[in-house]
Amino acid sequence: MKILSLLFLVISFSHAWAWKEIRSEDGIKVYKKKVEGSGLLAFRAEGLIDMPYAKSLALLRDVEEATAWDEALKKKITVQDISDIEAVTYSVVDMPWPLKNRDLVVTNKLHYDPATMELVVKSSSVDHANHPPNDTYVRAHIKFANFRFKPVNGKTQLKMEVHVEPKGSITDWVINMVQKDMPMDFIQRLRKHTAVYKKGPNKGVWDMIQAQMADLQSEKKKLPASVSSNN
């Protein structure tokens, strides 16, 4: 009986931390999940998005362009340009009155995951001597923000997971209520601006795209003809 009770607790605990679908719209599904040690939810979105693949990656790397398509950003600059695929950025996020605006210092790096053949942008908050916290803004914290990209049938397969802590005096339930729309809004804005974006990826990003495409082509050749023709 004790073993059965323990098993029930384990199953219940696992279910509590599982992703739960909360929205489905325009081919995009949004999920939420509890995060251990935090009253704030993590959010996930995924779907096949009709947008140019290489340009979507180029747009995310273009720090100076960010305020043109992300309405929440009042400012975004490069703090440290480490390479074509890695940078530390500083952002100021607009908040409704009477709340103070939030600022963030974030490290961003593009990776290639050969196991899934996805390009992955990983972002998280860091400390930086050039941009310490100040009294003008509340320093927010990104625990993780991962964006996975893969071309599928002429579209962009995008998966994103994010956990953001705005800090300050806002209660957790209000933050969760507001942030549940963030993944869908982000993807819709990204798709809209990518359609009119004129620049292409830099060399480092392009080299990763080429490596990804080579692996995808190689994998496609391994499939039986009947399967390969459907992809």
Protein backbone atom coordinates (compact mmCIF):
# COMPACT_ATOMS: atom_id res chain seq x y z
CA MET A 1 0.00 0.00 0.00
CA LYS A 2 2.85 2.40 0.84
CA ILE A 3 4.46 1.65 -2.53
CA LEU A 4 1.20 2.41 -4.33
CA SER A 5 0.82 5.67 -2.42
CA LEU A 6 4.38 6.69 -3.27
CA LEU A 7 3.80 5.85 -6.93
CA PHE A 8 0.65 7.97 -6.95
CA LEU A 9 2.57 10.93 -5.51
CA VAL A 10 5.30 10.59 -8.13
CA ILE A 11 2.77 10.45 -10.97
CA SER A 12 0.86 13.45 -9.56
CA PHE A 13 4.06 15.47 -9.15
CA SER A 14 5.16 14.70 -12.73
CA HIS A 15 1.78 15.76 -14.06
CA ALA A 16 1.99 19.05 -12.16
CA TRP A 17 5.21 20.01 -13.96
CA ALA A 18 4.04 18.87 -17.43
CA TRP A 19 3.23 21.25 -20.30
CA LYS A 20 -0.49 22.02 -20.57
CA GLU A 21 -2.01 23.42 -23.76
CA ILE A 22 -3.83 26.73 -23.18
CA ARG A 23 -4.30 28.15 -26.67
CA SER A 24 -4.31 27.11 -30.33
CA GLU A 25 -4.57 29.65 -33.12
CA ASP A 26 -3.33 30.07 -36.70
CA GLY A 27 -1.40 26.78 -36.56
CA ILE A 28 0.40 27.78 -33.34
CA LYS A 29 -0.10 26.00 -30.02
CA VAL A 30 0.73 27.63 -26.69
CA TYR A 31 1.43 25.74 -23.47
CA LYS A 32 2.12 26.60 -19.84
CA LYS A 33 4.05 24.79 -17.11
CA LYS A 34 4.87 25.28 -13.44
CA VAL A 35 8.53 25.91 -12.65
CA GLU A 36 10.03 24.53 -9.47
CA GLY A 37 10.80 27.27 -6.95
CA SER A 38 8.81 29.96 -8.76
CA GLY A 39 5.23 31.14 -8.70
CA LEU A 40 5.60 32.27 -12.29
CA LEU A 41 4.73 29.96 -15.16
CA ALA A 42 6.94 29.02 -18.08
CA PHE A 43 5.35 29.29 -21.51
CA ARG A 44 5.94 27.36 -24.70
CA ALA A 45 4.73 27.89 -28.27
CA GLU A 46 5.26 25.81 -31.38
CA GLY A 47 4.01 25.62 -34.93
CA LEU A 48 4.78 25.69 -38.63
CA ILE A 49 5.09 29.37 -39.50
CA ASP A 50 4.80 30.73 -43.03
CA MET A 51 7.88 32.99 -43.05
CA PRO A 52 11.28 33.04 -44.82
CA TYR A 53 13.58 30.75 -42.88
CA ALA A 54 16.99 32.44 -43.20
CA LYS A 55 15.51 35.92 -42.76
CA SER A 56 13.79 34.96 -39.51
CA LEU A 57 17.17 33.96 -38.05
CA ALA A 58 18.81 37.07 -39.47
CA LEU A 59 16.13 39.27 -37.91
CA LEU A 60 16.62 37.79 -34.45
CA ARG A 61 20.36 38.48 -34.71
CA ASP A 62 19.80 42.08 -35.82
CA VAL A 63 19.83 43.87 -32.45
CA GLU A 64 19.32 47.35 -33.90
CA GLU A 65 16.16 46.23 -35.73
CA ALA A 66 14.49 44.81 -32.61
CA THR A 67 12.55 47.95 -31.62
CA ALA A 68 11.07 48.17 -35.13
CA TRP A 69 9.07 44.97 -34.71
CA ASP A 70 8.83 44.32 -30.96
CA GLU A 71 6.37 46.90 -29.65
CA ALA A 72 7.25 46.17 -26.02
CA LEU A 73 10.85 47.30 -26.45
CA LYS A 74 11.72 50.95 -25.82
CA LYS A 75 15.42 50.27 -26.34
CA LYS A 76 17.76 47.43 -27.29
CA ILE A 77 21.51 47.76 -27.83
CA THR A 78 24.54 45.52 -28.11
CA VAL A 79 26.63 45.50 -24.95
CA GLN A 80 29.21 43.02 -26.23
CA ASP A 81 29.39 41.66 -29.78
CA ILE A 82 31.23 38.39 -29.17
CA SER A 83 30.83 36.84 -32.63
CA ASP A 84 28.40 36.51 -35.54
CA ILE A 85 26.41 34.02 -33.46
CA GLU A 86 26.80 35.39 -29.92
CA ALA A 87 26.17 38.74 -28.22
CA VAL A 88 25.25 40.31 -24.91
CA THR A 89 22.39 42.81 -25.20
CA TYR A 90 20.72 45.44 -23.03
CA SER A 91 16.97 46.07 -23.33
CA VAL A 92 14.40 48.37 -21.79
CA VAL A 93 10.84 47.03 -21.79
CA ASP A 94 7.85 49.36 -21.70
CA MET A 95 5.40 48.74 -18.83
CA PRO A 96 1.95 50.30 -18.36
CA TRP A 97 1.62 53.19 -15.91
CA PRO A 98 2.10 53.32 -12.94
CA LEU A 99 4.63 50.48 -13.13
CA LYS A 100 8.32 51.17 -13.68
CA ASN A 101 9.80 50.04 -16.98
CA ARG A 102 11.95 46.91 -16.81
CA ASP A 103 15.49 46.46 -18.10
CA LEU A 104 17.46 43.32 -18.86
CA VAL A 105 21.01 42.30 -19.67
CA VAL A 106 20.91 39.08 -21.66
CA THR A 107 23.41 36.73 -23.26
CA ASN A 108 22.26 35.28 -26.61
CA LYS A 109 23.94 32.52 -28.59
CA LEU A 110 23.00 30.48 -31.65
CA HIS A 111 23.71 26.74 -31.46
CA TYR A 112 23.24 23.85 -33.87
CA ASP A 113 21.69 20.71 -32.37
CA PRO A 114 22.72 17.82 -34.67
CA ALA A 115 20.48 15.37 -32.79
CA THR A 116 17.31 17.23 -33.80
CA MET A 117 18.85 19.15 -36.74
CA GLU A 118 17.50 22.40 -35.28
CA LEU A 119 19.16 25.78 -34.94
CA VAL A 120 18.71 26.94 -31.36
CA VAL A 121 18.92 30.48 -29.99
CA LYS A 122 19.54 30.32 -26.23
CA SER A 123 19.11 33.43 -24.08
CA SER A 124 19.34 34.09 -20.35
CA SER A 125 20.02 36.97 -17.99
CA VAL A 126 23.59 37.84 -16.97
CA ASP A 127 25.36 40.52 -14.97
CA HIS A 128 27.54 43.00 -16.85
CA ALA A 129 29.75 45.74 -15.43
CA ASN A 130 28.69 48.25 -18.11
CA HIS A 131 25.00 47.97 -17.21
CA PRO A 132 24.45 47.44 -13.48
CA PRO A 133 20.94 47.78 -12.01
CA ASN A 134 19.81 51.38 -11.42
CA ASP A 135 16.93 53.30 -9.82
CA THR A 136 15.36 54.25 -13.16
CA TYR A 137 14.24 50.71 -14.02
CA VAL A 138 13.43 47.43 -12.30
CA ARG A 139 15.93 44.76 -13.35
CA ALA A 140 13.95 41.82 -14.77
CA HIS A 141 15.35 38.30 -15.07
CA ILE A 142 15.13 35.75 -17.88
CA LYS A 143 15.73 32.30 -16.44
CA PHE A 144 15.66 30.79 -19.93
CA ALA A 145 14.44 31.65 -23.41
CA ASN A 146 15.08 29.00 -26.06
CA PHE A 147 14.04 29.29 -29.71
CA ARG A 148 14.35 26.25 -32.00
CA PHE A 149 14.24 26.65 -35.81
CA LYS A 150 13.96 24.08 -38.58
CA PRO A 151 12.80 24.37 -42.23
CA VAL A 152 9.90 22.03 -43.04
CA ASN A 153 8.10 21.92 -46.40
CA GLY A 154 8.94 25.51 -47.27
CA LYS A 155 7.89 26.84 -43.86
CA THR A 156 9.67 27.53 -40.59
CA GLN A 157 9.10 25.14 -37.71
CA LEU A 158 9.50 27.24 -34.58
CA LYS A 159 9.47 26.11 -30.96
CA MET A 160 10.01 28.56 -28.13
CA GLU A 161 10.17 28.16 -24.36
CA VAL A 162 10.52 31.11 -22.01
CA HIS A 163 10.47 31.88 -18.31
CA VAL A 164 10.64 35.57 -17.40
CA GLU A 165 10.53 37.16 -13.95
CA PRO A 166 9.63 40.88 -14.22
CA LYS A 167 10.49 41.36 -10.51
CA GLY A 168 9.13 44.34 -8.60
CA SER A 169 5.83 44.33 -6.71
CA ILE A 170 3.55 42.78 -9.35
CA THR A 171 1.77 39.70 -8.02
CA ASP A 172 2.47 36.36 -9.69
CA TRP A 173 -1.09 35.74 -10.86
CA VAL A 174 -1.19 39.08 -12.69
CA ILE A 175 2.14 38.34 -14.39
CA ASN A 176 0.96 34.87 -15.44
CA MET A 177 -2.27 36.32 -16.85
CA VAL A 178 -0.36 38.89 -18.93
CA GLN A 179 2.50 36.64 -20.05
CA LYS A 180 0.25 33.86 -21.38
CA ASP A 181 -0.24 35.92 -24.55
CA MET A 182 3.46 36.71 -24.96
CA PRO A 183 4.52 33.65 -27.04
CA MET A 184 1.69 34.04 -29.57
CA ASP A 185 2.24 37.80 -29.87
CA PHE A 186 5.99 37.30 -30.32
CA ILE A 187 5.59 34.80 -33.15
CA GLN A 188 2.96 36.87 -34.93
CA ARG A 189 5.14 40.00 -34.80
CA LEU A 190 8.21 38.04 -35.93
CA ARG A 191 6.32 36.61 -38.92
CA LYS A 192 4.88 39.98 -39.92
CA HIS A 193 8.21 41.82 -39.85
CA THR A 194 10.19 39.00 -41.48
CA ALA A 195 7.96 39.38 -44.54
CA VAL A 196 9.27 42.93 -45.13
CA TYR A 197 12.79 42.54 -43.70
CA LYS A 198 15.44 43.21 -46.36
CA LYS A 199 18.65 41.90 -44.81
CA GLY A 200 20.09 38.40 -44.91
CA PRO A 201 21.98 36.46 -42.24
CA ASN A 202 25.61 37.29 -41.43
CA LYS A 203 28.35 34.79 -42.28
CA GLY A 204 28.31 32.94 -38.95
CA VAL A 205 24.54 32.43 -39.02
CA TRP A 206 24.63 31.50 -42.72
CA ASP A 207 27.34 28.88 -42.12
CA MET A 208 25.16 27.25 -39.46
CA ILE A 209 22.16 27.27 -41.80
CA GLN A 210 24.25 25.60 -44.50
CA ALA A 211 25.42 22.89 -42.07
CA GLN A 212 21.83 22.31 -41.02
CA MET A 213 20.62 22.08 -44.63
CA ALA A 214 23.38 19.60 -45.48
CA ASP A 215 22.31 17.34 -42.61
CA LEU A 216 18.64 17.62 -43.57
CA GLN A 217 19.44 16.67 -47.17
CA SER A 218 21.56 13.74 -46.00
CA GLU A 219 18.78 12.54 -43.73
CA LYS A 220 16.23 12.86 -46.53
CA LYS A 221 18.35 10.63 -48.80
CA LYS A 222 18.26 7.88 -46.16
CA LEU A 223 14.46 7.73 -46.23
CA PRO A 224 12.55 5.35 -48.53
CA ALA A 225 11.40 7.05 -51.73
CA SER A 226 7.72 6.90 -50.64
CA VAL A 227 8.51 8.76 -47.41
CA SER A 228 10.98 11.21 -48.91
CA SER A 229 8.50 12.33 -51.57
CA ASN A 230 6.07 13.49 -48.87
CA ASN A 231 8.52 15.90 -47.20
